[in-house]
PDB file of N, CA and C in Angstrom:
ATOM      1  N   UNK A   1    -167.398  75.970   4.824  1.00  0.00           N
ATOM      2  CA  UNK A   1    -166.518  76.868   5.531  1.00  0.00           C
ATOM      3  C   UNK A   1    -165.977  77.892   4.520  1.00  0.00           C
ATOM      4  N   UNK A   2    -166.063  79.162   4.863  1.00  0.00           N
ATOM      5  CA  UNK A   2    -165.616  80.232   3.977  1.00  0.00           C
ATOM      6  C   UNK A   2    -164.328  80.832   4.532  1.00  0.00           C
ATOM      7  N   UNK A   3    -163.186  80.515   3.906  1.00  0.00           N
ATOM      8  CA  UNK A   3    -161.890  81.031   4.341  1.00  0.00           C
ATOM      9  C   UNK A   3    -161.391  82.059   3.339  1.00  0.00           C
ATOM     10  N   UNK A   4    -160.744  83.107   3.852  1.00  0.00           N
ATOM     11  CA  UNK A   4    -160.208  84.174   3.015  1.00  0.00           C
ATOM     12  C   UNK A   4    -158.847  84.581   3.569  1.00  0.00           C
ATOM     13  N   UNK A   5    -157.872  84.816   2.690  1.00  0.00           N
ATOM     14  CA  UNK A   5    -156.559  85.313   3.108  1.00  0.00           C
ATOM     15  C   UNK A   5    -156.605  86.837   3.113  1.00  0.00           C
ATOM     16  N   UNK A   6    -156.211  87.433   4.238  1.00  0.00           N
ATOM     17  CA  UNK A   6    -156.126  88.890   4.346  1.00  0.00           C
ATOM     18  C   UNK A   6    -154.738  89.267   4.839  1.00  0.00           C
ATOM     19  N   UNK A   7    -154.332  90.493   4.575  1.00  0.00           N
ATOM     20  CA  UNK A   7    -153.064  91.012   5.081  1.00  0.00           C
ATOM     21  C   UNK A   7    -153.339  91.969   6.227  1.00  0.00           C
ATOM     22  N   UNK A   8    -152.496  91.885   7.258  1.00  0.00           N
ATOM     23  CA  UNK A   8    -152.599  92.812   8.385  1.00  0.00           C
ATOM     24  C   UNK A   8    -151.242  93.457   8.634  1.00  0.00           C
ATOM     25  N   UNK A   9    -151.274  94.667   9.204  1.00  0.00           N
ATOM     26  CA  UNK A   9    -150.040  95.352   9.601  1.00  0.00           C
ATOM     27  C   UNK A   9    -150.155  95.640  11.098  1.00  0.00           C
ATOM     28  N   UNK A  10    -149.159  95.149  11.867  1.00  0.00           N
ATOM     29  CA  UNK A  10    -149.115  95.438  13.305  1.00  0.00           C
ATOM     30  C   UNK A  10    -148.915  96.934  13.498  1.00  0.00           C
ATOM     31  N   UNK A  11    -149.692  97.518  14.388  1.00  0.00           N
ATOM     32  CA  UNK A  11    -149.568  98.960  14.626  1.00  0.00           C
ATOM     33  C   UNK A  11    -148.258  99.328  15.308  1.00  0.00           C
ATOM     34  N   UNK A  12    -147.737  98.471  16.180  1.00  0.00           N
ATOM     35  CA  UNK A  12    -146.508  98.845  16.897  1.00  0.00           C
ATOM     36  C   UNK A  12    -145.249  98.579  16.071  1.00  0.00           C
ATOM     37  N   UNK A  13    -145.177  97.431  15.393  1.00  0.00           N
ATOM     38  CA  UNK A  13    -143.949  97.081  14.679  1.00  0.00           C
ATOM     39  C   UNK A  13    -143.999  97.435  13.194  1.00  0.00           C
ATOM     40  N   UNK A  14    -145.204  97.563  12.634  1.00  0.00           N
ATOM     41  CA  UNK A  14    -145.340  97.815  11.208  1.00  0.00           C
ATOM     42  C   UNK A  14    -145.187  96.573  10.368  1.00  0.00           C
ATOM     43  N   UNK A  15    -144.983  95.403  10.991  1.00  0.00           N
ATOM     44  CA  UNK A  15    -144.773  94.158  10.260  1.00  0.00           C
ATOM     45  C   UNK A  15    -146.075  93.699   9.601  1.00  0.00           C
ATOM     46  N   UNK A  16    -145.963  93.198   8.382  1.00  0.00           N
ATOM     47  CA  UNK A  16    -147.119  92.739   7.617  1.00  0.00           C
ATOM     48  C   UNK A  16    -147.197  91.215   7.676  1.00  0.00           C
ATOM     49  N   UNK A  17    -148.400  90.709   7.941  1.00  0.00           N
ATOM     50  CA  UNK A  17    -148.651  89.276   8.084  1.00  0.00           C
ATOM     51  C   UNK A  17    -149.786  88.844   7.172  1.00  0.00           C
ATOM     52  N   UNK A  18    -149.780  87.554   6.808  1.00  0.00           N
ATOM     53  CA  UNK A  18    -150.935  86.932   6.163  1.00  0.00           C
ATOM     54  C   UNK A  18    -151.777  86.332   7.276  1.00  0.00           C
ATOM     55  N   UNK A  19    -153.080  86.505   7.180  1.00  0.00           N
ATOM     56  CA  UNK A  19    -154.002  85.890   8.138  1.00  0.00           C
ATOM     57  C   UNK A  19    -155.112  85.199   7.366  1.00  0.00           C
ATOM     58  N   UNK A  20    -155.677  84.189   7.969  1.00  0.00           N
ATOM     59  CA  UNK A  20    -156.832  83.508   7.393  1.00  0.00           C
ATOM     60  C   UNK A  20    -158.059  83.986   8.160  1.00  0.00           C
ATOM     61  N   UNK A  21    -159.024  84.513   7.417  1.00  0.00           N
ATOM     62  CA  UNK A  21    -160.275  84.932   8.042  1.00  0.00           C
ATOM     63  C   UNK A  21    -161.255  83.771   7.924  1.00  0.00           C
ATOM     64  N   UNK A  22    -161.809  83.402   9.049  1.00  0.00           N
ATOM     65  CA  UNK A  22    -162.848  82.374   9.098  1.00  0.00           C
ATOM     66  C   UNK A  22    -164.055  83.008   9.772  1.00  0.00           C
ATOM     67  N   UNK A  23    -165.056  83.322   8.970  1.00  0.00           N
ATOM     68  CA  UNK A  23    -166.220  84.022   9.516  1.00  0.00           C
ATOM     69  C   UNK A  23    -165.811  85.407   9.970  1.00  0.00           C
ATOM     70  N   UNK A  24    -166.000  85.692  11.255  1.00  0.00           N
ATOM     71  CA  UNK A  24    -165.669  87.025  11.776  1.00  0.00           C
ATOM     72  C   UNK A  24    -164.400  87.023  12.630  1.00  0.00           C
ATOM     73  N   UNK A  25    -163.564  86.001  12.483  1.00  0.00           N
ATOM     74  CA  UNK A  25    -162.320  85.963  13.266  1.00  0.00           C
ATOM     75  C   UNK A  25    -161.132  85.706  12.351  1.00  0.00           C
ATOM     76  N   UNK A  26    -159.952  86.135  12.819  1.00  0.00           N
ATOM     77  CA  UNK A  26    -158.709  85.907  12.084  1.00  0.00           C
ATOM     78  C   UNK A  26    -157.908  84.831  12.799  1.00  0.00           C
ATOM     79  N   UNK A  27    -157.398  83.871  12.036  1.00  0.00           N
ATOM     80  CA  UNK A  27    -156.563  82.810  12.600  1.00  0.00           C
ATOM     81  C   UNK A  27    -155.115  83.290  12.590  1.00  0.00           C
ATOM     82  N   UNK A  28    -154.405  83.060  13.681  1.00  0.00           N
ATOM     83  CA  UNK A  28    -153.061  83.580  13.876  1.00  0.00           C
ATOM     84  C   UNK A  28    -152.072  82.434  14.028  1.00  0.00           C
ATOM     85  N   UNK A  29    -150.956  82.515  13.323  1.00  0.00           N
ATOM     86  CA  UNK A  29    -149.866  81.561  13.478  1.00  0.00           C
ATOM     87  C   UNK A  29    -149.061  81.993  14.707  1.00  0.00           C
ATOM     88  N   UNK A  30    -148.858  81.108  15.644  1.00  0.00           N
ATOM     89  CA  UNK A  30    -148.154  81.451  16.888  1.00  0.00           C
ATOM     90  C   UNK A  30    -146.733  81.952  16.649  1.00  0.00           C
ATOM     91  N   UNK A  31    -146.082  81.522  15.549  1.00  0.00           N
ATOM     92  CA  UNK A  31    -144.708  81.961  15.280  1.00  0.00           C
ATOM     93  C   UNK A  31    -144.647  83.457  14.972  1.00  0.00           C
ATOM     94  N   UNK A  32    -145.725  84.012  14.490  1.00  0.00           N
ATOM     95  CA  UNK A  32    -145.716  85.421  14.096  1.00  0.00           C
ATOM     96  C   UNK A  32    -146.909  86.126  14.712  1.00  0.00           C
ATOM     97  N   UNK A  33    -147.080  85.954  16.008  1.00  0.00           N
ATOM     98  CA  UNK A  33    -148.212  86.523  16.713  1.00  0.00           C
ATOM     99  C   UNK A  33    -148.243  88.039  16.554  1.00  0.00           C
ATOM    100  N   UNK A  34    -149.432  88.603  16.671  1.00  0.00           N
ATOM    101  CA  UNK A  34    -149.585  90.052  16.571  1.00  0.00           C
ATOM    102  C   UNK A  34    -148.778  90.746  17.663  1.00  0.00           C
ATOM    103  N   UNK A  35    -148.561  92.035  17.508  1.00  0.00           N
ATOM    104  CA  UNK A  35    -147.760  92.785  18.481  1.00  0.00           C
ATOM    105  C   UNK A  35    -148.356  92.667  19.887  1.00  0.00           C
ATOM    106  N   UNK A  36    -147.590  93.099  20.866  1.00  0.00           N
ATOM    107  CA  UNK A  36    -147.985  92.920  22.264  1.00  0.00           C
ATOM    108  C   UNK A  36    -149.352  93.526  22.566  1.00  0.00           C
ATOM    109  N   UNK A  37    -149.675  94.631  21.919  1.00  0.00           N
ATOM    110  CA  UNK A  37    -150.960  95.275  22.172  1.00  0.00           C
ATOM    111  C   UNK A  37    -152.082  94.581  21.418  1.00  0.00           C
ATOM    112  N   UNK A  38    -151.734  93.780  20.414  1.00  0.00           N
ATOM    113  CA  UNK A  38    -152.748  93.106  19.623  1.00  0.00           C
ATOM    114  C   UNK A  38    -153.437  94.019  18.624  1.00  0.00           C
ATOM    115  N   UNK A  39    -152.935  95.233  18.468  1.00  0.00           N
ATOM    116  CA  UNK A  39    -153.559  96.192  17.565  1.00  0.00           C
ATOM    117  C   UNK A  39    -153.002  96.031  16.160  1.00  0.00           C
ATOM    118  N   UNK A  40    -153.894  95.985  15.181  1.00  0.00           N
ATOM    119  CA  UNK A  40    -153.468  95.830  13.797  1.00  0.00           C
ATOM    120  C   UNK A  40    -154.508  96.455  12.888  1.00  0.00           C
ATOM    121  N   UNK A  41    -154.112  96.672  11.645  1.00  0.00           N
ATOM    122  CA  UNK A  41    -155.018  97.163  10.609  1.00  0.00           C
ATOM    123  C   UNK A  41    -154.969  96.186   9.453  1.00  0.00           C
ATOM    124  N   UNK A  42    -156.107  95.969   8.799  1.00  0.00           N
ATOM    125  CA  UNK A  42    -156.101  95.199   7.558  1.00  0.00           C
ATOM    126  C   UNK A  42    -155.574  96.112   6.464  1.00  0.00           C
ATOM    127  N   UNK A  43    -154.729  95.569   5.593  1.00  0.00           N
ATOM    128  CA  UNK A  43    -154.131  96.349   4.511  1.00  0.00           C
ATOM    129  C   UNK A  43    -154.311  95.607   3.188  1.00  0.00           C
ATOM    130  N   UNK A  44    -154.002  96.293   2.106  1.00  0.00           N
ATOM    131  CA  UNK A  44    -154.133  95.708   0.775  1.00  0.00           C
ATOM    132  C   UNK A  44    -152.781  95.207   0.295  1.00  0.00           C
ATOM    133  N   UNK A  45    -152.778  94.529  -0.842  1.00  0.00           N
ATOM    134  CA  UNK A  45    -151.536  94.058  -1.467  1.00  0.00           C
ATOM    135  C   UNK A  45    -150.581  95.217  -1.735  1.00  0.00           C
ATOM    136  N   UNK A  46    -151.117  96.401  -2.013  1.00  0.00           N
ATOM    137  CA  UNK A  46    -150.281  97.567  -2.291  1.00  0.00           C
ATOM    138  C   UNK A  46    -149.383  97.889  -1.096  1.00  0.00           C
ATOM    139  N   UNK A  47    -149.872  97.688   0.115  1.00  0.00           N
ATOM    140  CA  UNK A  47    -149.064  97.950   1.307  1.00  0.00           C
ATOM    141  C   UNK A  47    -147.853  97.028   1.340  1.00  0.00           C
ATOM    142  N   UNK A  48    -148.039  95.799   0.915  1.00  0.00           N
ATOM    143  CA  UNK A  48    -146.928  94.842   0.883  1.00  0.00           C
ATOM    144  C   UNK A  48    -145.910  95.254  -0.177  1.00  0.00           C
ATOM    145  N   UNK A  49    -146.395  95.679  -1.320  1.00  0.00           N
ATOM    146  CA  UNK A  49    -145.503  96.117  -2.399  1.00  0.00           C
ATOM    147  C   UNK A  49    -144.704  97.350  -2.001  1.00  0.00           C
ATOM    148  N   UNK A  50    -145.292  98.226  -1.180  1.00  0.00           N
ATOM    149  CA  UNK A  50    -144.635  99.461  -0.750  1.00  0.00           C
ATOM    150  C   UNK A  50    -143.822  99.294   0.533  1.00  0.00           C
ATOM    151  N   UNK A  51    -143.863  98.115   1.141  1.00  0.00           N
ATOM    152  CA  UNK A  51    -143.202  97.896   2.430  1.00  0.00           C
ATOM    153  C   UNK A  51    -141.683  97.962   2.301  1.00  0.00           C
ATOM    154  N   UNK A  52    -141.051  98.447   3.363  1.00  0.00           N
ATOM    155  CA  UNK A  52    -139.598  98.455   3.434  1.00  0.00           C
ATOM    156  C   UNK A  52    -139.100  97.029   3.669  1.00  0.00           C
ATOM    157  N   UNK A  53    -137.841  96.799   3.364  1.00  0.00           N
ATOM    158  CA  UNK A  53    -137.232  95.493   3.600  1.00  0.00           C
ATOM    159  C   UNK A  53    -137.347  95.174   5.091  1.00  0.00           C
ATOM    160  N   UNK A  54    -137.752  93.978   5.403  1.00  0.00           N
ATOM    161  CA  UNK A  54    -137.873  93.547   6.787  1.00  0.00           C
ATOM    162  C   UNK A  54    -139.247  93.753   7.381  1.00  0.00           C
ATOM    163  N   UNK A  55    -140.132  94.453   6.683  1.00  0.00           N
ATOM    164  CA  UNK A  55    -141.481  94.661   7.222  1.00  0.00           C
ATOM    165  C   UNK A  55    -142.392  93.472   6.985  1.00  0.00           C
ATOM    166  N   UNK A  56    -142.089  92.649   5.993  1.00  0.00           N
ATOM    167  CA  UNK A  56    -142.895  91.454   5.748  1.00  0.00           C
ATOM    168  C   UNK A  56    -142.451  90.362   6.713  1.00  0.00           C
ATOM    169  N   UNK A  57    -143.389  89.756   7.379  1.00  0.00           N
ATOM    170  CA  UNK A  57    -143.100  88.681   8.333  1.00  0.00           C
ATOM    171  C   UNK A  57    -142.361  87.548   7.624  1.00  0.00           C
ATOM    172  N   UNK A  58    -141.271  87.084   8.200  1.00  0.00           N
ATOM    173  CA  UNK A  58    -140.472  86.032   7.563  1.00  0.00           C
ATOM    174  C   UNK A  58    -141.178  84.685   7.563  1.00  0.00           C
ATOM    175  N   UNK A  59    -142.133  84.468   8.443  1.00  0.00           N
ATOM    176  CA  UNK A  59    -142.882  83.216   8.454  1.00  0.00           C
ATOM    177  C   UNK A  59    -144.031  83.244   7.440  1.00  0.00           C
ATOM    178  N   UNK A  60    -144.660  84.400   7.295  1.00  0.00           N
ATOM    179  CA  UNK A  60    -145.767  84.538   6.331  1.00  0.00           C
ATOM    180  C   UNK A  60    -145.262  84.662   4.898  1.00  0.00           C
ATOM    181  N   UNK A  61    -144.097  85.300   4.743  1.00  0.00           N
ATOM    182  CA  UNK A  61    -143.516  85.543   3.424  1.00  0.00           C
ATOM    183  C   UNK A  61    -142.063  85.076   3.434  1.00  0.00           C
ATOM    184  N   UNK A  62    -141.833  83.751   3.421  1.00  0.00           N
ATOM    185  CA  UNK A  62    -140.443  83.249   3.481  1.00  0.00           C
ATOM    186  C   UNK A  62    -139.636  83.710   2.281  1.00  0.00           C
ATOM    187  N   UNK A  63    -138.345  83.965   2.490  1.00  0.00           N
ATOM    188  CA  UNK A  63    -137.504  84.373   1.378  1.00  0.00           C
ATOM    189  C   UNK A  63    -137.415  83.273   0.324  1.00  0.00           C
ATOM    190  N   UNK A  64    -137.314  83.687  -0.898  1.00  0.00           N
ATOM    191  CA  UNK A  64    -137.188  82.715  -2.007  1.00  0.00           C
ATOM    192  C   UNK A  64    -135.840  82.019  -1.896  1.00  0.00           C
ATOM    193  N   UNK A  65    -135.848  80.724  -2.155  1.00  0.00           N
ATOM    194  CA  UNK A  65    -134.601  79.970  -2.152  1.00  0.00           C
ATOM    195  C   UNK A  65    -134.295  79.532  -3.577  1.00  0.00           C
ATOM    196  N   UNK A  66    -133.064  79.676  -3.952  1.00  0.00           N
ATOM    197  CA  UNK A  66    -132.654  79.310  -5.321  1.00  0.00           C
ATOM    198  C   UNK A  66    -131.956  77.981  -5.340  1.00  0.00           C
TER     199      UNK A  66
END
């Protein structure tokens, strides 16, 4: 089985998520489902670094706890 982690950005909300690609499909965590339209773009790590506060999904990128 060939699994790969990819980043996606919802077109409607702009929120960035981690997804697991398995073959030609992306696995989705129900807690952070894609936007209502289901439209998204794959993005690079640079998009995450440039994202505004709150754009990273809290389930995919939990805040650090000290």
